[in-house]
Amino acid sequence: MQITTKSISRGSIQRLFLTLLVIGCVALVSACGNKNVSSGAEGKIKVTTTVGMITDVVNQVGGEHVEVTGLMTAGVDPHLYKASQGDIEKLDKADIIFYNGLHLEGKMVEIFEKIAKKKTTVAVSEYIDHTTLRTGAQNGMDTEYDPHIWFNVKHWMKATESIRDTLIKHDPEHAADYQKNTESYLNQLQQLNDEVAEKIRTIPEESRILVTAHDAFGYFGDAYGLKVMALQGMSTASEAGTKDVTDLRDFLVEKKIKAIFIESSVPRKAIDAVIQGAKQKGHELLIGGELFSDAMGEEGTMEGTYIGMVRHNVETIVKALK
């Protein structure tokens, strides 16, 4: 039998095709067999969050089993935040999404509602008894509830439990780890709550007046015994007008309040107008310090964690008012 170069070439091509086909099938079967509970690195659950306070809690509760991507970094105002195309991709790739709710992320509500139809999307505020929430209606605001729930540490403990329960439902194999991590973190939060209350009590009662750029500290005031006043409402979407500046200035001058606070995520222009107005009336009004309200500090710093942020705020307030 005569073997030609042409026949050898054709046979080689056929064998090569069959070899590649087998390799492809083996790889496909292997990939399907190794499919885990999540699509994250090394089998971790891919979680996307909005504000830094939630990002921190998910890391605390999820530990080594989660890969967390936060959309909003230090200094970002969630009330005005608009999702970018990159954010949409991060949300789309996530196994679980956690957000605050109560219209904190006002411009993203519709996005979360759509995504919730196809994947686990949780508003951590849903675990809190809504009868304990501050309502916008009582304060003349256009939002149903005050979304700044993290400023009452006990509310934030409830939010932590919602994150724990969601992770356990998604990944029951590591339920014991999530329970253990949560118990440890809740103990830290209870200690924080007691610490905040104790430090605020060191401020003379007549001096417990906290004046800030926008109405983010209402829960803080209610929980720990301060009168809270602000130029803007619960959402920074509503800007302070001339009357707001004048009314606050007159109150501060009349009551001889000596300190007013700026916020890391809110421009200080309106606060400076109040200070200047008070000065023209012969009253020296000082900046008591910068507080973290809707955003935490830079990643890697003490203020870049929820507990560190709260401690910074309390120490700043006590130092200025005491």
C-alpha atoms as a PDB file:
ATOM      1  CA  MET A   1       0.000   0.000   0.000  1.00  0.00           C
ATOM      2  CA  GLN A   2       1.408   3.331  -0.982  1.00  0.00           C
ATOM      3  CA  ILE A   3       1.206   6.069   1.713  1.00  0.00           C
ATOM      4  CA  THR A   4       1.230   9.569   0.314  1.00  0.00           C
ATOM      5  CA  THR A   5       2.237  12.829   1.968  1.00  0.00           C
ATOM      6  CA  LYS A   6      -1.307  14.060   1.422  1.00  0.00           C
ATOM      7  CA  SER A   7      -2.856  11.147   3.394  1.00  0.00           C
ATOM      8  CA  ILE A   8      -0.405  11.612   6.318  1.00  0.00           C
ATOM      9  CA  SER A   9      -1.245  15.287   6.511  1.00  0.00           C
ATOM     10  CA  ARG A  10      -4.983  14.616   6.579  1.00  0.00           C
ATOM     11  CA  GLY A  11      -4.586  11.984   9.332  1.00  0.00           C
ATOM     12  CA  SER A  12      -2.465  14.275  11.456  1.00  0.00           C
ATOM     13  CA  ILE A  13      -5.058  17.006  11.242  1.00  0.00           C
ATOM     14  CA  GLN A  14      -7.836  14.616  12.292  1.00  0.00           C
ATOM     15  CA  ARG A  15      -5.853  13.319  15.280  1.00  0.00           C
ATOM     16  CA  LEU A  16      -5.035  16.868  16.381  1.00  0.00           C
ATOM     17  CA  PHE A  17      -8.718  17.851  16.161  1.00  0.00           C
ATOM     18  CA  LEU A  18      -9.787  14.846  18.250  1.00  0.00           C
ATOM     19  CA  THR A  19      -7.098  15.562  20.862  1.00  0.00           C
ATOM     20  CA  LEU A  20      -8.194  19.185  21.253  1.00  0.00           C
ATOM     21  CA  LEU A  21     -11.836  18.115  21.492  1.00  0.00           C
ATOM     22  CA  VAL A  22     -11.065  15.676  24.332  1.00  0.00           C
ATOM     23  CA  ILE A  23      -9.017  18.275  26.220  1.00  0.00           C
ATOM     24  CA  GLY A  24     -11.846  20.783  25.872  1.00  0.00           C
ATOM     25  CA  CYS A  25     -14.431  18.346  27.217  1.00  0.00           C
ATOM     26  CA  VAL A  26     -12.237  17.393  30.196  1.00  0.00           C
ATOM     27  CA  ALA A  27     -11.725  21.055  31.059  1.00  0.00           C
ATOM     28  CA  LEU A  28     -15.467  21.733  30.827  1.00  0.00           C
ATOM     29  CA  VAL A  29     -16.362  18.803  33.082  1.00  0.00           C
ATOM     30  CA  SER A  30     -13.674  19.812  35.567  1.00  0.00           C
ATOM     31  CA  ALA A  31     -14.983  23.381  35.697  1.00  0.00           C
ATOM     32  CA  CYS A  32     -18.548  22.211  36.278  1.00  0.00           C
ATOM     33  CA  GLY A  33     -17.448  19.766  38.946  1.00  0.00           C
ATOM     34  CA  ASN A  34     -15.554  22.458  40.846  1.00  0.00           C
ATOM     35  CA  LYS A  35     -18.393  24.994  40.803  1.00  0.00           C
ATOM     36  CA  ASN A  36     -18.629  26.548  44.306  1.00  0.00           C
ATOM     37  CA  VAL A  37     -21.242  28.543  46.220  1.00  0.00           C
ATOM     38  CA  SER A  38     -19.759  31.720  44.820  1.00  0.00           C
ATOM     39  CA  SER A  39     -17.790  33.105  41.925  1.00  0.00           C
ATOM     40  CA  GLY A  40     -15.260  34.994  44.054  1.00  0.00           C
ATOM     41  CA  ALA A  41     -11.536  34.364  44.319  1.00  0.00           C
ATOM     42  CA  GLU A  42     -10.758  30.971  45.884  1.00  0.00           C
ATOM     43  CA  GLY A  43     -14.444  30.220  46.321  1.00  0.00           C
ATOM     44  CA  LYS A  44     -15.225  33.365  48.293  1.00  0.00           C
ATOM     45  CA  ILE A  45     -18.654  34.962  48.139  1.00  0.00           C
ATOM     46  CA  LYS A  46     -18.524  38.097  46.018  1.00  0.00           C
ATOM     47  CA  VAL A  47     -20.295  40.889  47.893  1.00  0.00           C
ATOM     48  CA  THR A  48     -20.900  44.427  46.653  1.00  0.00           C
ATOM     49  CA  THR A  49     -21.867  47.140  49.146  1.00  0.00           C
ATOM     50  CA  THR A  50     -22.701  50.829  48.980  1.00  0.00           C
ATOM     51  CA  VAL A  51     -21.465  52.905  51.938  1.00  0.00           C
ATOM     52  CA  GLY A  52     -18.269  52.168  53.840  1.00  0.00           C
ATOM     53  CA  MET A  53     -20.055  51.407  57.114  1.00  0.00           C
ATOM     54  CA  ILE A  54     -21.748  48.396  55.483  1.00  0.00           C
ATOM     55  CA  THR A  55     -18.530  47.333  53.768  1.00  0.00           C
ATOM     56  CA  ASP A  56     -16.801  47.204  57.139  1.00  0.00           C
ATOM     57  CA  VAL A  57     -19.518  45.084  58.779  1.00  0.00           C
ATOM     58  CA  VAL A  58     -19.568  42.571  55.906  1.00  0.00           C
ATOM     59  CA  ASN A  59     -15.817  42.147  56.270  1.00  0.00           C
ATOM     60  CA  GLN A  60     -16.192  41.687  60.030  1.00  0.00           C
ATOM     61  CA  VAL A  61     -18.956  39.094  59.723  1.00  0.00           C
ATOM     62  CA  GLY A  62     -17.855  37.334  56.530  1.00  0.00           C
ATOM     63  CA  GLY A  63     -14.162  37.174  57.350  1.00  0.00           C
ATOM     64  CA  GLU A  64     -12.163  34.905  55.085  1.00  0.00           C
ATOM     65  CA  HIS A  65     -15.244  33.705  53.232  1.00  0.00           C
ATOM     66  CA  VAL A  66     -16.124  36.962  51.504  1.00  0.00           C
ATOM     67  CA  GLU A  67     -14.611  39.206  48.866  1.00  0.00           C
ATOM     68  CA  VAL A  68     -16.131  42.654  49.407  1.00  0.00           C
ATOM     69  CA  THR A  69     -16.272  45.538  46.944  1.00  0.00           C
ATOM     70  CA  GLY A  70     -17.529  48.873  48.255  1.00  0.00           C
ATOM     71  CA  LEU A  71     -18.875  51.400  45.767  1.00  0.00           C
ATOM     72  CA  MET A  72     -18.548  54.542  47.900  1.00  0.00           C
ATOM     73  CA  THR A  73     -15.207  55.512  49.400  1.00  0.00           C
ATOM     74  CA  ALA A  74     -14.106  58.144  51.928  1.00  0.00           C
ATOM     75  CA  GLY A  75     -15.687  61.564  51.472  1.00  0.00           C
ATOM     76  CA  VAL A  76     -18.433  60.390  49.100  1.00  0.00           C
ATOM     77  CA  ASP A  77     -21.980  61.662  49.695  1.00  0.00           C
ATOM     78  CA  PRO A  78     -24.423  58.746  49.187  1.00  0.00           C
ATOM     79  CA  HIS A  79     -27.430  61.079  48.890  1.00  0.00           C
ATOM     80  CA  LEU A  80     -26.069  62.501  45.639  1.00  0.00           C
ATOM     81  CA  TYR A  81     -24.174  59.473  44.371  1.00  0.00           C
ATOM     82  CA  LYS A  82     -24.796  58.333  40.802  1.00  0.00           C
ATOM     83  CA  ALA A  83     -23.833  54.816  39.758  1.00  0.00           C
ATOM     84  CA  SER A  84     -21.217  54.594  37.015  1.00  0.00           C
ATOM     85  CA  GLN A  85     -21.026  51.870  34.366  1.00  0.00           C
ATOM     86  CA  GLY A  86     -18.252  50.309  36.427  1.00  0.00           C
ATOM     87  CA  ASP A  87     -20.568  50.200  39.451  1.00  0.00           C
ATOM     88  CA  ILE A  88     -23.257  48.443  37.423  1.00  0.00           C
ATOM     89  CA  GLU A  89     -20.714  45.807  36.425  1.00  0.00           C
ATOM     90  CA  LYS A  90     -19.694  45.301  40.073  1.00  0.00           C
ATOM     91  CA  LEU A  91     -23.327  44.895  41.074  1.00  0.00           C
ATOM     92  CA  ASP A  92     -23.931  42.496  38.198  1.00  0.00           C
ATOM     93  CA  LYS A  93     -20.967  40.277  39.132  1.00  0.00           C
ATOM     94  CA  ALA A  94     -21.837  40.143  42.833  1.00  0.00           C
ATOM     95  CA  ASP A  95     -23.383  37.105  44.512  1.00  0.00           C
ATOM     96  CA  ILE A  96     -24.925  39.325  47.215  1.00  0.00           C
ATOM     97  CA  ILE A  97     -25.590  43.069  47.394  1.00  0.00           C
ATOM     98  CA  PHE A  98     -26.002  44.992  50.667  1.00  0.00           C
ATOM     99  CA  TYR A  99     -27.227  48.560  50.817  1.00  0.00           C
ATOM    100  CA  ASN A 100     -28.591  50.821  53.545  1.00  0.00           C
ATOM    101  CA  GLY A 101     -32.073  51.561  52.254  1.00  0.00           C
ATOM    102  CA  LEU A 102     -34.476  54.224  53.564  1.00  0.00           C
ATOM    103  CA  HIS A 103     -33.523  56.236  50.466  1.00  0.00           C
ATOM    104  CA  LEU A 104     -29.975  56.923  51.646  1.00  0.00           C
ATOM    105  CA  GLU A 105     -28.759  55.872  48.194  1.00  0.00           C
ATOM    106  CA  GLY A 106     -31.556  57.913  46.636  1.00  0.00           C
ATOM    107  CA  LYS A 107     -30.452  57.823  43.018  1.00  0.00           C
ATOM    108  CA  MET A 108     -29.809  54.055  43.075  1.00  0.00           C
ATOM    109  CA  VAL A 109     -33.153  52.810  44.413  1.00  0.00           C
ATOM    110  CA  GLU A 110     -34.489  51.734  41.006  1.00  0.00           C
ATOM    111  CA  ILE A 111     -31.275  49.842  40.259  1.00  0.00           C
ATOM    112  CA  PHE A 112     -31.568  47.819  43.477  1.00  0.00           C
ATOM    113  CA  GLU A 113     -35.231  47.060  42.842  1.00  0.00           C
ATOM    114  CA  LYS A 114     -34.414  45.629  39.406  1.00  0.00           C
ATOM    115  CA  ILE A 115     -31.415  43.613  40.600  1.00  0.00           C
ATOM    116  CA  ALA A 116     -33.395  42.180  43.534  1.00  0.00           C
ATOM    117  CA  LYS A 117     -35.501  40.229  41.026  1.00  0.00           C
ATOM    118  CA  LYS A 118     -32.547  38.086  40.015  1.00  0.00           C
ATOM    119  CA  LYS A 119     -30.116  37.982  42.967  1.00  0.00           C
ATOM    120  CA  THR A 120     -29.923  38.459  46.744  1.00  0.00           C
ATOM    121  CA  THR A 121     -30.152  42.195  47.377  1.00  0.00           C
ATOM    122  CA  VAL A 122     -30.618  43.276  50.997  1.00  0.00           C
ATOM    123  CA  ALA A 123     -31.353  46.631  52.631  1.00  0.00           C
ATOM    124  CA  VAL A 124     -29.763  46.280  56.083  1.00  0.00           C
ATOM    125  CA  SER A 125     -32.280  48.749  57.536  1.00  0.00           C
ATOM    126  CA  GLU A 126     -35.108  46.251  57.020  1.00  0.00           C
ATOM    127  CA  TYR A 127     -34.139  44.383  60.208  1.00  0.00           C
ATOM    128  CA  ILE A 128     -34.784  47.456  62.354  1.00  0.00           C
ATOM    129  CA  ASP A 129     -38.228  47.939  63.863  1.00  0.00           C
ATOM    130  CA  HIS A 130     -39.543  50.861  61.810  1.00  0.00           C
ATOM    131  CA  THR A 131     -41.524  52.172  64.771  1.00  0.00           C
ATOM    132  CA  THR A 132     -38.158  53.070  66.340  1.00  0.00           C
ATOM    133  CA  LEU A 133     -37.006  55.069  63.316  1.00  0.00           C
ATOM    134  CA  ARG A 134     -37.043  58.849  63.087  1.00  0.00           C
ATOM    135  CA  THR A 135     -39.510  59.993  60.460  1.00  0.00           C
ATOM    136  CA  GLY A 136     -38.846  62.683  57.936  1.00  0.00           C
ATOM    137  CA  ALA A 137     -42.416  63.924  58.265  1.00  0.00           C
ATOM    138  CA  GLN A 138     -41.822  64.958  61.862  1.00  0.00           C
ATOM    139  CA  ASN A 139     -38.895  67.078  60.774  1.00  0.00           C
ATOM    140  CA  GLY A 140     -40.518  68.643  57.716  1.00  0.00           C
ATOM    141  CA  MET A 141     -38.408  66.529  55.355  1.00  0.00           C
ATOM    142  CA  ASP A 142     -39.361  64.842  52.108  1.00  0.00           C
ATOM    143  CA  THR A 143     -38.126  61.413  53.171  1.00  0.00           C
ATOM    144  CA  GLU A 144     -40.284  58.922  55.055  1.00  0.00           C
ATOM    145  CA  TYR A 145     -37.555  57.835  57.480  1.00  0.00           C
ATOM    146  CA  ASP A 146     -34.181  59.159  58.579  1.00  0.00           C
ATOM    147  CA  PRO A 147     -31.677  56.810  56.865  1.00  0.00           C
ATOM    148  CA  HIS A 148     -28.676  57.543  59.141  1.00  0.00           C
ATOM    149  CA  ILE A 149     -29.299  54.465  61.291  1.00  0.00           C
ATOM    150  CA  TRP A 150     -25.616  53.769  62.062  1.00  0.00           C
ATOM    151  CA  PHE A 151     -25.504  56.685  64.514  1.00  0.00           C
ATOM    152  CA  ASN A 152     -27.492  54.655  67.014  1.00  0.00           C
ATOM    153  CA  VAL A 153     -25.090  51.787  67.692  1.00  0.00           C
ATOM    154  CA  LYS A 154     -27.966  49.511  68.723  1.00  0.00           C
ATOM    155  CA  HIS A 155     -29.584  50.035  65.330  1.00  0.00           C
ATOM    156  CA  TRP A 156     -26.303  49.075  63.716  1.00  0.00           C
ATOM    157  CA  MET A 157     -26.237  45.896  65.758  1.00  0.00           C
ATOM    158  CA  LYS A 158     -29.527  44.952  64.083  1.00  0.00           C
ATOM    159  CA  ALA A 159     -28.018  45.738  60.679  1.00  0.00           C
ATOM    160  CA  THR A 160     -25.108  43.433  61.555  1.00  0.00           C
ATOM    161  CA  GLU A 161     -27.543  40.621  62.293  1.00  0.00           C
ATOM    162  CA  SER A 162     -29.184  41.079  58.902  1.00  0.00           C
ATOM    163  CA  ILE A 163     -25.813  40.630  57.219  1.00  0.00           C
ATOM    164  CA  ARG A 164     -25.085  37.521  59.299  1.00  0.00           C
ATOM    165  CA  ASP A 165     -28.410  35.896  58.446  1.00  0.00           C
ATOM    166  CA  THR A 166     -28.039  36.648  54.738  1.00  0.00           C
ATOM    167  CA  LEU A 167     -24.564  35.102  54.571  1.00  0.00           C
ATOM    168  CA  ILE A 168     -25.723  32.008  56.474  1.00  0.00           C
ATOM    169  CA  LYS A 169     -28.663  31.516  54.111  1.00  0.00           C
ATOM    170  CA  HIS A 170     -26.393  31.869  51.079  1.00  0.00           C
ATOM    171  CA  ASP A 171     -23.549  29.782  52.491  1.00  0.00           C
ATOM    172  CA  PRO A 172     -24.805  27.436  55.264  1.00  0.00           C
ATOM    173  CA  GLU A 173     -21.569  25.427  55.098  1.00  0.00           C
ATOM    174  CA  HIS A 174     -19.775  28.237  56.970  1.00  0.00           C
ATOM    175  CA  ALA A 175     -22.651  29.196  59.272  1.00  0.00           C
ATOM    176  CA  ALA A 176     -20.623  28.524  62.417  1.00  0.00           C
ATOM    177  CA  ASP A 177     -17.950  31.006  61.304  1.00  0.00           C
ATOM    178  CA  TYR A 178     -20.506  33.700  60.546  1.00  0.00           C
ATOM    179  CA  GLN A 179     -22.142  33.140  63.940  1.00  0.00           C
ATOM    180  CA  LYS A 180     -18.820  33.323  65.763  1.00  0.00           C
ATOM    181  CA  ASN A 181     -17.656  36.439  63.914  1.00  0.00           C
ATOM    182  CA  THR A 182     -20.974  38.175  64.524  1.00  0.00           C
ATOM    183  CA  GLU A 183     -21.010  37.362  68.232  1.00  0.00           C
ATOM    184  CA  SER A 184     -17.527  38.836  68.602  1.00  0.00           C
ATOM    185  CA  TYR A 185     -18.426  41.971  66.647  1.00  0.00           C
ATOM    186  CA  LEU A 186     -21.715  42.499  68.490  1.00  0.00           C
ATOM    187  CA  ASN A 187     -19.792  42.402  71.773  1.00  0.00           C
ATOM    188  CA  GLN A 188     -17.519  45.144  70.440  1.00  0.00           C
ATOM    189  CA  LEU A 189     -20.534  47.193  69.376  1.00  0.00           C
ATOM    190  CA  GLN A 190     -22.177  46.833  72.792  1.00  0.00           C
ATOM    191  CA  GLN A 191     -18.967  48.088  74.409  1.00  0.00           C
ATOM    192  CA  LEU A 192     -18.918  50.965  71.925  1.00  0.00           C
ATOM    193  CA  ASN A 193     -22.511  51.883  72.749  1.00  0.00           C
ATOM    194  CA  ASP A 194     -21.720  52.009  76.476  1.00  0.00           C
ATOM    195  CA  GLU A 195     -18.540  53.990  75.842  1.00  0.00           C
ATOM    196  CA  VAL A 196     -20.348  56.612  73.747  1.00  0.00           C
ATOM    197  CA  ALA A 197     -23.053  57.100  76.371  1.00  0.00           C
ATOM    198  CA  GLU A 198     -20.478  57.456  79.131  1.00  0.00           C
ATOM    199  CA  LYS A 199     -18.384  60.035  77.279  1.00  0.00           C
ATOM    200  CA  ILE A 200     -21.350  62.178  76.226  1.00  0.00           C
ATOM    201  CA  ARG A 201     -22.447  62.338  79.876  1.00  0.00           C
ATOM    202  CA  THR A 202     -19.189  64.151  80.671  1.00  0.00           C
ATOM    203  CA  ILE A 203     -20.410  67.173  78.654  1.00  0.00           C
ATOM    204  CA  PRO A 204     -22.303  69.698  80.821  1.00  0.00           C
ATOM    205  CA  GLU A 205     -26.011  69.264  80.104  1.00  0.00           C
ATOM    206  CA  GLU A 206     -26.487  72.849  78.932  1.00  0.00           C
ATOM    207  CA  SER A 207     -23.654  72.379  76.412  1.00  0.00           C
ATOM    208  CA  ARG A 208     -25.011  69.224  74.781  1.00  0.00           C
ATOM    209  CA  ILE A 209     -25.980  70.963  71.559  1.00  0.00           C
ATOM    210  CA  LEU A 210     -24.560  69.493  68.360  1.00  0.00           C
ATOM    211  CA  VAL A 211     -24.740  71.747  65.284  1.00  0.00           C
ATOM    212  CA  THR A 212     -23.732  70.247  61.926  1.00  0.00           C
ATOM    213  CA  ALA A 213     -24.009  70.823  58.192  1.00  0.00           C
ATOM    214  CA  HIS A 214     -26.867  68.387  57.552  1.00  0.00           C
ATOM    215  CA  ASP A 215     -29.299  66.433  59.700  1.00  0.00           C
ATOM    216  CA  ALA A 216     -27.357  63.179  59.945  1.00  0.00           C
ATOM    217  CA  PHE A 217     -26.960  62.956  63.725  1.00  0.00           C
ATOM    218  CA  GLY A 218     -30.584  62.720  64.852  1.00  0.00           C
ATOM    219  CA  TYR A 219     -30.305  59.091  65.964  1.00  0.00           C
ATOM    220  CA  PHE A 220     -27.082  59.950  67.756  1.00  0.00           C
ATOM    221  CA  GLY A 221     -28.762  62.787  69.640  1.00  0.00           C
ATOM    222  CA  ASP A 222     -31.804  60.710  70.562  1.00  0.00           C
ATOM    223  CA  ALA A 223     -29.733  57.757  71.766  1.00  0.00           C
ATOM    224  CA  TYR A 224     -27.110  59.639  73.750  1.00  0.00           C
ATOM    225  CA  GLY A 225     -28.803  62.800  74.935  1.00  0.00           C
ATOM    226  CA  LEU A 226     -27.803  65.711  72.699  1.00  0.00           C
ATOM    227  CA  LYS A 227     -29.899  68.367  71.020  1.00  0.00           C
ATOM    228  CA  VAL A 228     -29.053  68.212  67.324  1.00  0.00           C
ATOM    229  CA  MET A 229     -29.427  71.069  64.867  1.00  0.00           C
ATOM    230  CA  ALA A 230     -28.412  71.270  61.219  1.00  0.00           C
ATOM    231  CA  LEU A 231     -28.470  73.603  58.236  1.00  0.00           C
ATOM    232  CA  GLN A 232     -29.647  71.043  55.696  1.00  0.00           C
ATOM    233  CA  GLY A 233     -32.240  68.303  56.010  1.00  0.00           C
ATOM    234  CA  MET A 234     -31.729  64.565  56.193  1.00  0.00           C
ATOM    235  CA  SER A 235     -30.661  64.552  52.555  1.00  0.00           C
ATOM    236  CA  THR A 236     -27.980  66.852  51.198  1.00  0.00           C
ATOM    237  CA  ALA A 237     -29.985  67.013  47.982  1.00  0.00           C
ATOM    238  CA  SER A 238     -31.849  69.941  49.557  1.00  0.00           C
ATOM    239  CA  GLU A 239     -29.514  72.914  49.877  1.00  0.00           C
ATOM    240  CA  ALA A 240     -29.597  75.367  52.766  1.00  0.00           C
ATOM    241  CA  GLY A 241     -31.214  78.691  51.906  1.00  0.00           C
ATOM    242  CA  THR A 242     -30.536  82.181  53.211  1.00  0.00           C
ATOM    243  CA  LYS A 243     -33.286  81.870  55.836  1.00  0.00           C
ATOM    244  CA  ASP A 244     -31.805  78.590  57.088  1.00  0.00           C
ATOM    245  CA  VAL A 245     -28.434  80.279  57.556  1.00  0.00           C
ATOM    246  CA  THR A 246     -29.962  83.317  59.265  1.00  0.00           C
ATOM    247  CA  ASP A 247     -32.181  81.303  61.626  1.00  0.00           C
ATOM    248  CA  LEU A 248     -29.337  79.047  62.725  1.00  0.00           C
ATOM    249  CA  ARG A 249     -26.991  81.992  63.173  1.00  0.00           C
ATOM    250  CA  ASP A 250     -29.498  83.807  65.384  1.00  0.00           C
ATOM    251  CA  PHE A 251     -30.063  80.721  67.524  1.00  0.00           C
ATOM    252  CA  LEU A 252     -26.348  80.182  68.048  1.00  0.00           C
ATOM    253  CA  VAL A 253     -25.776  83.834  68.941  1.00  0.00           C
ATOM    254  CA  GLU A 254     -28.723  83.893  71.344  1.00  0.00           C
ATOM    255  CA  LYS A 255     -27.696  80.683  73.117  1.00  0.00           C
ATOM    256  CA  LYS A 256     -24.001  81.640  73.018  1.00  0.00           C
ATOM    257  CA  ILE A 257     -23.084  78.323  71.390  1.00  0.00           C
ATOM    258  CA  LYS A 258     -19.348  78.310  70.766  1.00  0.00           C
ATOM    259  CA  ALA A 259     -18.777  75.385  68.389  1.00  0.00           C
ATOM    260  CA  ILE A 260     -20.202  74.168  65.109  1.00  0.00           C
ATOM    261  CA  PHE A 261     -19.056  71.071  63.192  1.00  0.00           C
ATOM    262  CA  ILE A 262     -18.230  70.411  59.562  1.00  0.00           C
ATOM    263  CA  GLU A 263     -18.610  67.011  57.864  1.00  0.00           C
ATOM    264  CA  SER A 264     -16.155  65.103  55.703  1.00  0.00           C
ATOM    265  CA  SER A 265     -18.713  64.417  52.952  1.00  0.00           C
ATOM    266  CA  VAL A 266     -20.504  67.801  52.915  1.00  0.00           C
ATOM    267  CA  PRO A 267     -19.112  71.096  51.510  1.00  0.00           C
ATOM    268  CA  ARG A 268     -18.549  73.646  54.297  1.00  0.00           C
ATOM    269  CA  LYS A 269     -19.676  76.744  52.373  1.00  0.00           C
ATOM    270  CA  ALA A 270     -22.969  77.122  54.259  1.00  0.00           C
ATOM    271  CA  ILE A 271     -21.294  76.507  57.627  1.00  0.00           C
ATOM    272  CA  ASP A 272     -18.763  79.252  56.842  1.00  0.00           C
ATOM    273  CA  ALA A 273     -21.678  81.594  56.108  1.00  0.00           C
ATOM    274  CA  VAL A 274     -23.109  80.906  59.567  1.00  0.00           C
ATOM    275  CA  ILE A 275     -19.738  81.565  61.186  1.00  0.00           C
ATOM    276  CA  GLN A 276     -19.306  84.816  59.288  1.00  0.00           C
ATOM    277  CA  GLY A 277     -22.841  85.910  60.141  1.00  0.00           C
ATOM    278  CA  ALA A 278     -22.278  85.247  63.841  1.00  0.00           C
ATOM    279  CA  LYS A 279     -19.029  87.200  63.736  1.00  0.00           C
ATOM    280  CA  GLN A 280     -20.835  90.219  62.325  1.00  0.00           C
ATOM    281  CA  LYS A 281     -23.107  90.061  65.357  1.00  0.00           C
ATOM    282  CA  GLY A 282     -20.130  90.006  67.691  1.00  0.00           C
ATOM    283  CA  HIS A 283     -20.243  86.272  68.454  1.00  0.00           C
ATOM    284  CA  GLU A 284     -17.150  84.134  67.931  1.00  0.00           C
ATOM    285  CA  LEU A 285     -18.203  80.758  66.524  1.00  0.00           C
ATOM    286  CA  LEU A 286     -15.494  78.146  66.154  1.00  0.00           C
ATOM    287  CA  ILE A 287     -15.206  74.982  64.069  1.00  0.00           C
ATOM    288  CA  GLY A 288     -15.404  72.228  66.677  1.00  0.00           C
ATOM    289  CA  GLY A 289     -13.852  69.737  64.287  1.00  0.00           C
ATOM    290  CA  GLU A 290     -14.653  67.552  61.308  1.00  0.00           C
ATOM    291  CA  LEU A 291     -17.117  64.710  61.815  1.00  0.00           C
ATOM    292  CA  PHE A 292     -17.704  61.650  59.677  1.00  0.00           C
ATOM    293  CA  SER A 293     -21.379  61.459  58.830  1.00  0.00           C
ATOM    294  CA  ASP A 294     -22.339  59.693  55.578  1.00  0.00           C
ATOM    295  CA  ALA A 295     -18.847  58.377  54.841  1.00  0.00           C
ATOM    296  CA  MET A 296     -16.035  56.940  56.931  1.00  0.00           C
ATOM    297  CA  GLY A 297     -12.377  57.923  56.857  1.00  0.00           C
ATOM    298  CA  GLU A 298      -9.696  56.692  54.486  1.00  0.00           C
ATOM    299  CA  GLU A 299      -9.180  52.947  54.216  1.00  0.00           C
ATOM    300  CA  GLY A 300      -6.418  51.749  56.524  1.00  0.00           C
ATOM    301  CA  THR A 301      -6.994  54.438  59.151  1.00  0.00           C
ATOM    302  CA  MET A 302      -8.821  54.137  62.476  1.00  0.00           C
ATOM    303  CA  GLU A 303     -11.615  56.326  61.067  1.00  0.00           C
ATOM    304  CA  GLY A 304     -11.832  53.970  58.097  1.00  0.00           C
ATOM    305  CA  THR A 305     -13.737  51.479  60.285  1.00  0.00           C
ATOM    306  CA  TYR A 306     -17.221  51.903  61.737  1.00  0.00           C
ATOM    307  CA  ILE A 307     -16.056  51.652  65.353  1.00  0.00           C
ATOM    308  CA  GLY A 308     -13.124  53.986  64.712  1.00  0.00           C
ATOM    309  CA  MET A 309     -15.371  56.505  62.957  1.00  0.00           C
ATOM    310  CA  VAL A 310     -17.816  56.618  65.877  1.00  0.00           C
ATOM    311  CA  ARG A 311     -14.989  56.985  68.392  1.00  0.00           C
ATOM    312  CA  HIS A 312     -13.452  59.821  66.391  1.00  0.00           C
ATOM    313  CA  ASN A 313     -16.783  61.644  66.278  1.00  0.00           C
ATOM    314  CA  VAL A 314     -17.420  61.246  69.990  1.00  0.00           C
ATOM    315  CA  GLU A 315     -13.935  62.391  70.981  1.00  0.00           C
ATOM    316  CA  THR A 316     -14.209  65.403  68.658  1.00  0.00           C
ATOM    317  CA  ILE A 317     -17.646  66.383  69.997  1.00  0.00           C
ATOM    318  CA  VAL A 318     -16.686  65.963  73.651  1.00  0.00           C
ATOM    319  CA  LYS A 319     -13.477  67.935  73.255  1.00  0.00           C
ATOM    320  CA  ALA A 320     -15.289  70.831  71.595  1.00  0.00           C
ATOM    321  CA  LEU A 321     -18.366  70.982  73.829  1.00  0.00           C
ATOM    322  CA  LYS A 322     -16.891  70.056  77.192  1.00  0.00           C
END
